[in-house]
Amino acid sequence: DRRVVGFYPRDHLLVSGYIEGESALAWHPAMIWLKKGKGQLVLYGFNPQFRASTPGTYKLLFNGLLLPGLD
């Protein structure tokens, strides 16, 4: 069992800063949840704790940590 939780957008991926290989990210999964044996995995296509100061991704990170304990 697996689910794509979120995708990168088709276009306008960069809001500010620099991006290399934008076409490789466009419309590909950014976050995937899957079951493996008796466990669960949450795979991120980005670093959810980048520089340890990203309040916008805290929910994604902590939900990924807490989700396996819900079964």
C-alpha atoms as a PDB file:
ATOM      1  CA  ASP A   1       0.000   0.000   0.000  1.00  0.00           C
ATOM      2  CA  ARG A   2       1.361   3.433  -0.898  1.00  0.00           C
ATOM      3  CA  ARG A   3       0.110   6.956  -1.457  1.00  0.00           C
ATOM      4  CA  VAL A   4       1.565  10.082  -2.964  1.00  0.00           C
ATOM      5  CA  VAL A   5       0.862  12.746  -0.354  1.00  0.00           C
ATOM      6  CA  GLY A   6       2.085  15.742  -2.361  1.00  0.00           C
ATOM      7  CA  PHE A   7       3.480  16.703  -5.758  1.00  0.00           C
ATOM      8  CA  TYR A   8       5.799  19.427  -6.944  1.00  0.00           C
ATOM      9  CA  PRO A   9       3.843  21.825  -9.198  1.00  0.00           C
ATOM     10  CA  ARG A  10       4.087  21.613 -12.991  1.00  0.00           C
ATOM     11  CA  ASP A  11       5.513  25.107 -13.274  1.00  0.00           C
ATOM     12  CA  HIS A  12       6.586  28.052 -11.105  1.00  0.00           C
ATOM     13  CA  LEU A  13       8.557  25.798  -8.746  1.00  0.00           C
ATOM     14  CA  LEU A  14      10.920  28.560  -7.690  1.00  0.00           C
ATOM     15  CA  VAL A  15       9.524  31.334  -5.523  1.00  0.00           C
ATOM     16  CA  SER A  16      12.902  32.817  -4.627  1.00  0.00           C
ATOM     17  CA  GLY A  17      16.537  31.779  -4.641  1.00  0.00           C
ATOM     18  CA  TYR A  18      18.094  29.305  -7.074  1.00  0.00           C
ATOM     19  CA  ILE A  19      17.017  25.977  -8.542  1.00  0.00           C
ATOM     20  CA  GLU A  20      18.912  23.573 -10.773  1.00  0.00           C
ATOM     21  CA  GLY A  21      17.174  20.781 -12.667  1.00  0.00           C
ATOM     22  CA  GLU A  22      13.697  22.269 -12.334  1.00  0.00           C
ATOM     23  CA  SER A  23      12.297  20.004 -15.070  1.00  0.00           C
ATOM     24  CA  ALA A  24      13.347  16.918 -13.079  1.00  0.00           C
ATOM     25  CA  LEU A  25      11.134  18.020 -10.169  1.00  0.00           C
ATOM     26  CA  ALA A  26       8.094  19.272 -12.078  1.00  0.00           C
ATOM     27  CA  TRP A  27       4.981  17.178 -11.352  1.00  0.00           C
ATOM     28  CA  HIS A  28       6.917  14.483  -9.484  1.00  0.00           C
ATOM     29  CA  PRO A  29       6.095  13.298  -5.955  1.00  0.00           C
ATOM     30  CA  ALA A  30       7.333  15.512  -3.124  1.00  0.00           C
ATOM     31  CA  MET A  31       6.107  13.231  -0.337  1.00  0.00           C
ATOM     32  CA  ILE A  32       5.147   9.534  -0.350  1.00  0.00           C
ATOM     33  CA  TRP A  33       3.704   7.302   2.380  1.00  0.00           C
ATOM     34  CA  LEU A  34       4.049   3.521   2.091  1.00  0.00           C
ATOM     35  CA  LYS A  35       3.809   0.322   4.101  1.00  0.00           C
ATOM     36  CA  LYS A  36       6.788  -2.025   4.169  1.00  0.00           C
ATOM     37  CA  GLY A  37       6.334  -5.275   6.048  1.00  0.00           C
ATOM     38  CA  LYS A  38       5.080  -4.390   9.537  1.00  0.00           C
ATOM     39  CA  GLY A  39       6.292  -0.790   9.281  1.00  0.00           C
ATOM     40  CA  GLN A  40       5.470   2.434   7.513  1.00  0.00           C
ATOM     41  CA  LEU A  41       7.702   4.889   5.690  1.00  0.00           C
ATOM     42  CA  VAL A  42       7.272   8.549   4.890  1.00  0.00           C
ATOM     43  CA  LEU A  43       9.594   9.599   2.065  1.00  0.00           C
ATOM     44  CA  TYR A  44      10.336  13.279   1.490  1.00  0.00           C
ATOM     45  CA  GLY A  45      11.643  14.712  -1.781  1.00  0.00           C
ATOM     46  CA  PHE A  46      12.923  17.713   0.183  1.00  0.00           C
ATOM     47  CA  ASN A  47      14.604  18.342   3.517  1.00  0.00           C
ATOM     48  CA  PRO A  48      11.748  19.056   5.993  1.00  0.00           C
ATOM     49  CA  GLN A  49      14.099  20.336   8.721  1.00  0.00           C
ATOM     50  CA  PHE A  50      16.354  22.440   6.464  1.00  0.00           C
ATOM     51  CA  ARG A  51      18.555  24.626   8.676  1.00  0.00           C
ATOM     52  CA  ALA A  52      16.324  23.660  11.624  1.00  0.00           C
ATOM     53  CA  SER A  53      14.172  26.751  11.175  1.00  0.00           C
ATOM     54  CA  THR A  54      11.268  25.914   8.895  1.00  0.00           C
ATOM     55  CA  PRO A  55       7.981  26.291  10.799  1.00  0.00           C
ATOM     56  CA  GLY A  56       6.075  25.701   7.552  1.00  0.00           C
ATOM     57  CA  THR A  57       7.280  22.096   7.344  1.00  0.00           C
ATOM     58  CA  TYR A  58       7.156  21.182  11.050  1.00  0.00           C
ATOM     59  CA  LYS A  59       3.728  19.570  10.591  1.00  0.00           C
ATOM     60  CA  LEU A  60       5.022  17.402   7.759  1.00  0.00           C
ATOM     61  CA  LEU A  61       8.057  16.340   9.759  1.00  0.00           C
ATOM     62  CA  PHE A  62       6.219  15.597  13.012  1.00  0.00           C
ATOM     63  CA  ASN A  63       3.313  13.846  11.277  1.00  0.00           C
ATOM     64  CA  GLY A  64       5.875  11.606   9.584  1.00  0.00           C
ATOM     65  CA  LEU A  65       7.419  10.809  12.958  1.00  0.00           C
ATOM     66  CA  LEU A  66       4.117  10.195  14.747  1.00  0.00           C
ATOM     67  CA  LEU A  67       2.118   8.465  11.984  1.00  0.00           C
ATOM     68  CA  PRO A  68       3.627   4.981  12.409  1.00  0.00           C
ATOM     69  CA  GLY A  69       2.479   4.877  16.047  1.00  0.00           C
ATOM     70  CA  LEU A  70      -1.184   5.326  15.111  1.00  0.00           C
ATOM     71  CA  ASP A  71      -1.792   1.708  14.044  1.00  0.00           C
END
